[in-house]
C-alpha atoms as a PDB file:
ATOM      1  CA  MET A   1       0.000   0.000   0.000  1.00  0.00           C
ATOM      2  CA  SER A   2       1.409   3.402  -0.941  1.00  0.00           C
ATOM      3  CA  ASP A   3       2.081   6.033   1.703  1.00  0.00           C
ATOM      4  CA  VAL A   4      -0.761   8.189   0.388  1.00  0.00           C
ATOM      5  CA  ARG A   5      -3.266   5.322   0.528  1.00  0.00           C
ATOM      6  CA  ARG A   6      -2.110   4.384   4.021  1.00  0.00           C
ATOM      7  CA  ASP A   7      -2.472   8.024   5.103  1.00  0.00           C
ATOM      8  CA  VAL A   8      -5.993   8.197   3.620  1.00  0.00           C
ATOM      9  CA  VAL A   9      -7.048   5.055   5.477  1.00  0.00           C
ATOM     10  CA  ASP A  10      -5.535   6.396   8.712  1.00  0.00           C
ATOM     11  CA  LEU A  11      -7.280   9.747   8.235  1.00  0.00           C
ATOM     12  CA  LEU A  12     -10.629   8.039   7.616  1.00  0.00           C
ATOM     13  CA  ARG A  13     -10.165   5.982  10.758  1.00  0.00           C
ATOM     14  CA  LEU A  14      -9.209   9.031  12.835  1.00  0.00           C
ATOM     15  CA  TYR A  15     -12.077  11.075  11.397  1.00  0.00           C
ATOM     16  CA  THR A  16     -14.517   8.298  12.286  1.00  0.00           C
ATOM     17  CA  ILE A  17     -13.233   8.123  15.855  1.00  0.00           C
ATOM     18  CA  GLU A  18     -13.387  11.896  16.312  1.00  0.00           C
ATOM     19  CA  ALA A  19     -16.871  12.076  14.761  1.00  0.00           C
ATOM     20  CA  GLN A  20     -18.044   9.405  17.208  1.00  0.00           C
ATOM     21  CA  ARG A  21     -16.594  11.422  20.093  1.00  0.00           C
ATOM     22  CA  VAL A  22     -18.499  14.506  18.956  1.00  0.00           C
ATOM     23  CA  ALA A  23     -21.669  12.439  18.544  1.00  0.00           C
ATOM     24  CA  HIS A  24     -21.276  10.960  22.038  1.00  0.00           C
ATOM     25  CA  GLU A  25     -20.752  14.470  23.427  1.00  0.00           C
ATOM     26  CA  PHE A  26     -23.976  15.669  21.797  1.00  0.00           C
ATOM     27  CA  ALA A  27     -25.871  12.602  22.995  1.00  0.00           C
ATOM     28  CA  GLY A  28     -24.537  13.065  26.522  1.00  0.00           C
ATOM     29  CA  GLN A  29     -25.422  16.754  26.633  1.00  0.00           C
ATOM     30  CA  GLN A  30     -28.957  15.980  25.441  1.00  0.00           C
ATOM     31  CA  GLY A  31     -29.428  12.996  27.749  1.00  0.00           C
ATOM     32  CA  LEU A  32     -29.722  10.638  24.789  1.00  0.00           C
ATOM     33  CA  HIS A  33     -28.544   7.092  24.363  1.00  0.00           C
ATOM     34  CA  PHE A  34     -26.054   6.730  21.515  1.00  0.00           C
ATOM     35  CA  THR A  35     -28.611   4.505  19.750  1.00  0.00           C
ATOM     36  CA  ASP A  36     -31.115   7.370  20.014  1.00  0.00           C
ATOM     37  CA  LEU A  37     -28.661   9.623  18.216  1.00  0.00           C
ATOM     38  CA  GLN A  38     -28.115   7.014  15.512  1.00  0.00           C
ATOM     39  CA  ALA A  39     -31.891   6.854  15.078  1.00  0.00           C
ATOM     40  CA  LEU A  40     -32.134  10.638  14.758  1.00  0.00           C
ATOM     41  CA  ILE A  41     -29.394  10.676  12.146  1.00  0.00           C
ATOM     42  CA  ALA A  42     -31.123   7.910  10.179  1.00  0.00           C
ATOM     43  CA  VAL A  43     -34.445   9.797  10.296  1.00  0.00           C
ATOM     44  CA  MET A  44     -32.763  13.044   9.227  1.00  0.00           C
ATOM     45  CA  HIS A  45     -30.965  11.421   6.279  1.00  0.00           C
ATOM     46  CA  ALA A  46     -34.118   9.662   5.121  1.00  0.00           C
ATOM     47  CA  GLU A  47     -36.053  12.930   5.255  1.00  0.00           C
ATOM     48  CA  ARG A  48     -33.359  14.733   3.252  1.00  0.00           C
ATOM     49  CA  ARG A  49     -33.603  12.004   0.597  1.00  0.00           C
ATOM     50  CA  GLY A  50     -37.383  12.424   0.535  1.00  0.00           C
ATOM     51  CA  THR A  51     -38.010   8.879   1.789  1.00  0.00           C
ATOM     52  CA  PRO A  52     -39.089   9.115   5.432  1.00  0.00           C
ATOM     53  CA  LEU A  53     -38.496   6.015   7.514  1.00  0.00           C
ATOM     54  CA  THR A  54     -41.140   3.807   9.004  1.00  0.00           C
ATOM     55  CA  PRO A  55     -40.457   2.290  12.432  1.00  0.00           C
ATOM     56  CA  GLY A  56     -39.734  -1.067  10.757  1.00  0.00           C
ATOM     57  CA  ARG A  57     -37.164   0.407   8.378  1.00  0.00           C
ATOM     58  CA  LEU A  58     -35.556   2.325  11.237  1.00  0.00           C
ATOM     59  CA  GLY A  59     -35.235  -0.905  13.214  1.00  0.00           C
ATOM     60  CA  GLU A  60     -33.629  -2.624  10.222  1.00  0.00           C
ATOM     61  CA  ALA A  61     -31.219   0.275   9.732  1.00  0.00           C
ATOM     62  CA  LEU A  62     -30.150   0.145  13.389  1.00  0.00           C
ATOM     63  CA  GLY A  63     -30.246  -3.633  13.739  1.00  0.00           C
ATOM     64  CA  LEU A  64     -32.806  -3.463  16.552  1.00  0.00           C
ATOM     65  CA  SER A  65     -35.770  -5.631  17.445  1.00  0.00           C
ATOM     66  CA  SER A  66     -39.226  -4.113  17.033  1.00  0.00           C
ATOM     67  CA  GLY A  67     -39.514  -3.703  20.812  1.00  0.00           C
ATOM     68  CA  ALA A  68     -36.173  -1.918  21.091  1.00  0.00           C
ATOM     69  CA  THR A  69     -37.066   0.269  18.110  1.00  0.00           C
ATOM     70  CA  THR A  70     -40.357   1.250  19.729  1.00  0.00           C
ATOM     71  CA  ALA A  71     -38.514   2.154  22.943  1.00  0.00           C
ATOM     72  CA  VAL A  72     -36.091   4.396  20.989  1.00  0.00           C
ATOM     73  CA  ILE A  73     -38.945   6.073  19.106  1.00  0.00           C
ATOM     74  CA  ASP A  74     -40.936   6.595  22.311  1.00  0.00           C
ATOM     75  CA  ARG A  75     -37.950   8.210  24.082  1.00  0.00           C
ATOM     76  CA  LEU A  76     -37.218  10.498  21.141  1.00  0.00           C
ATOM     77  CA  GLU A  77     -40.863  11.448  20.705  1.00  0.00           C
ATOM     78  CA  ARG A  78     -41.245  12.282  24.423  1.00  0.00           C
ATOM     79  CA  ALA A  79     -38.152  14.495  24.210  1.00  0.00           C
ATOM     80  CA  GLY A  80     -39.505  16.278  21.106  1.00  0.00           C
ATOM     81  CA  HIS A  81     -36.704  15.039  18.860  1.00  0.00           C
ATOM     82  CA  LEU A  82     -38.985  13.225  16.440  1.00  0.00           C
ATOM     83  CA  ARG A  83     -42.632  12.753  15.660  1.00  0.00           C
ATOM     84  CA  ARG A  84     -44.785  10.041  14.140  1.00  0.00           C
ATOM     85  CA  THR A  85     -46.924  11.034  11.149  1.00  0.00           C
ATOM     86  CA  ARG A  86     -49.526   9.276   9.018  1.00  0.00           C
ATOM     87  CA  GLU A  87     -49.143  10.622   5.501  1.00  0.00           C
ATOM     88  CA  SER A  88     -50.319   7.884   3.182  1.00  0.00           C
ATOM     89  CA  ALA A  89     -53.798   6.767   2.197  1.00  0.00           C
ATOM     90  CA  ASP A  90     -53.167   3.734   4.403  1.00  0.00           C
ATOM     91  CA  ARG A  91     -53.434   5.315   7.872  1.00  0.00           C
ATOM     92  CA  ARG A  92     -51.717   2.272   9.393  1.00  0.00           C
ATOM     93  CA  VAL A  93     -48.409   3.382   7.845  1.00  0.00           C
ATOM     94  CA  VAL A  94     -46.423   5.547  10.239  1.00  0.00           C
ATOM     95  CA  HIS A  95     -43.529   7.719   9.096  1.00  0.00           C
ATOM     96  CA  LEU A  96     -40.910   9.198  11.379  1.00  0.00           C
ATOM     97  CA  ARG A  97     -40.037  12.885  11.072  1.00  0.00           C
ATOM     98  CA  TYR A  98     -37.428  15.002  12.771  1.00  0.00           C
ATOM     99  CA  GLY A  99     -39.020  17.194  15.445  1.00  0.00           C
ATOM    100  CA  GLU A 100     -38.404  20.948  15.415  1.00  0.00           C
ATOM    101  CA  PRO A 101     -37.000  21.112  18.984  1.00  0.00           C
ATOM    102  CA  GLY A 102     -34.535  18.355  18.094  1.00  0.00           C
ATOM    103  CA  MET A 103     -33.524  20.112  14.893  1.00  0.00           C
ATOM    104  CA  GLU A 104     -32.924  23.363  16.758  1.00  0.00           C
ATOM    105  CA  LEU A 105     -30.657  21.601  19.281  1.00  0.00           C
ATOM    106  CA  ALA A 106     -28.735  19.860  16.509  1.00  0.00           C
ATOM    107  CA  VAL A 107     -28.247  23.093  14.559  1.00  0.00           C
ATOM    108  CA  ALA A 108     -27.022  24.903  17.675  1.00  0.00           C
ATOM    109  CA  PHE A 109     -24.599  22.102  18.568  1.00  0.00           C
ATOM    110  CA  PHE A 110     -23.350  21.138  15.099  1.00  0.00           C
ATOM    111  CA  GLY A 111     -23.520  24.604  13.479  1.00  0.00           C
ATOM    112  CA  PRO A 112     -19.932  25.519  14.369  1.00  0.00           C
ATOM    113  CA  LEU A 113     -18.721  22.197  12.950  1.00  0.00           C
ATOM    114  CA  GLY A 114     -20.669  22.906   9.769  1.00  0.00           C
ATOM    115  CA  ALA A 115     -18.972  26.302   9.469  1.00  0.00           C
ATOM    116  CA  ARG A 116     -15.532  24.730   9.973  1.00  0.00           C
ATOM    117  CA  SER A 117     -16.328  22.043   7.410  1.00  0.00           C
ATOM    118  CA  GLN A 118     -17.464  24.677   4.922  1.00  0.00           C
ATOM    119  CA  VAL A 119     -14.129  26.502   5.273  1.00  0.00           C
ATOM    120  CA  VAL A 120     -12.310  23.265   4.432  1.00  0.00           C
ATOM    121  CA  MET A 121     -14.555  22.516   1.445  1.00  0.00           C
ATOM    122  CA  ASP A 122     -14.145  26.060   0.112  1.00  0.00           C
ATOM    123  CA  ASP A 123     -10.479  25.228  -0.539  1.00  0.00           C
ATOM    124  CA  PHE A 124     -11.495  22.585  -3.112  1.00  0.00           C
ATOM    125  CA  SER A 125     -12.684  23.122  -6.669  1.00  0.00           C
ATOM    126  CA  ALA A 126     -16.001  21.697  -7.844  1.00  0.00           C
ATOM    127  CA  ASP A 127     -14.126  18.939  -9.705  1.00  0.00           C
ATOM    128  CA  GLU A 128     -12.093  18.074  -6.616  1.00  0.00           C
ATOM    129  CA  MET A 129     -15.240  17.953  -4.498  1.00  0.00           C
ATOM    130  CA  GLU A 130     -16.822  15.610  -7.037  1.00  0.00           C
ATOM    131  CA  THR A 131     -13.767  13.341  -6.732  1.00  0.00           C
ATOM    132  CA  VAL A 132     -14.032  13.438  -2.938  1.00  0.00           C
ATOM    133  CA  ARG A 133     -17.734  12.617  -3.147  1.00  0.00           C
ATOM    134  CA  ARG A 134     -17.063   9.699  -5.495  1.00  0.00           C
ATOM    135  CA  PHE A 135     -14.303   8.418  -3.196  1.00  0.00           C
ATOM    136  CA  LEU A 136     -16.381   8.691  -0.018  1.00  0.00           C
ATOM    137  CA  SER A 137     -19.389   7.086  -1.725  1.00  0.00           C
ATOM    138  CA  GLY A 138     -17.210   4.152  -2.725  1.00  0.00           C
ATOM    139  CA  MET A 139     -15.752   3.842   0.758  1.00  0.00           C
ATOM    140  CA  LEU A 140     -19.230   3.976   2.291  1.00  0.00           C
ATOM    141  CA  GLU A 141     -20.389   1.256  -0.079  1.00  0.00           C
ATOM    142  CA  ALA A 142     -17.364  -0.894   0.804  1.00  0.00           C
ATOM    143  CA  ILE A 143     -17.886  -0.645   4.564  1.00  0.00           C
ATOM    144  CA  THR A 144     -21.667  -1.128   4.225  1.00  0.00           C
ATOM    145  CA  GLU A 145     -21.153  -4.296   2.190  1.00  0.00           C
ATOM    146  CA  HIS A 146     -18.618  -5.544   4.742  1.00  0.00           C
ATOM    147  CA  HIS A 147     -21.039  -4.844   7.592  1.00  0.00           C
ATOM    148  CA  GLN A 148     -23.858  -6.674   5.799  1.00  0.00           C
ATOM    149  CA  GLU A 149     -21.563  -9.625   5.210  1.00  0.00           C
ATOM    150  CA  LEU A 150     -20.662  -9.713   8.913  1.00  0.00           C
ATOM    151  CA  ARG A 151     -24.329  -9.540   9.934  1.00  0.00           C
ATOM    152  CA  THR A 152     -25.377 -12.371   7.651  1.00  0.00           C
ATOM    153  CA  ARG A 153     -22.385 -14.478   8.659  1.00  0.00           C
ATOM    154  CA  ASP A 154     -23.347 -14.150  12.345  1.00  0.00           C
ATOM    155  CA  THR A 155     -26.969 -15.218  11.839  1.00  0.00           C
END
């Protein structure tokens, strides 16, 4: 492995560790379980993609039983971090949406990180950012496939 590739892998690893520390800090300050934070992130990403999660899909994404998923959703709903909605013709289908109070807390906490990240990204051209996006998408796909393989191997 070349020095540059080794450095990239090390930087990804270090970034992941530091991002988890920041996430744990946010969760701790908000009195959330780390799993609750993972659920909020999953709900937020699904909303941004225009495909809100159902409780079942959230449970699959987090690898939780239906009972554990319900407990996470109940805690987050009580705290105002997310809300259940019924948006389809089939009123039995429940979608999960990010709650406004939760969004406000996240923006206040993560806003400074967003500003710092923007400064870094401003140093890259549009073509370079496209290369970074392609690289990170590939790396995400690789680790997701590996995780799925590990999960199916263990069952």
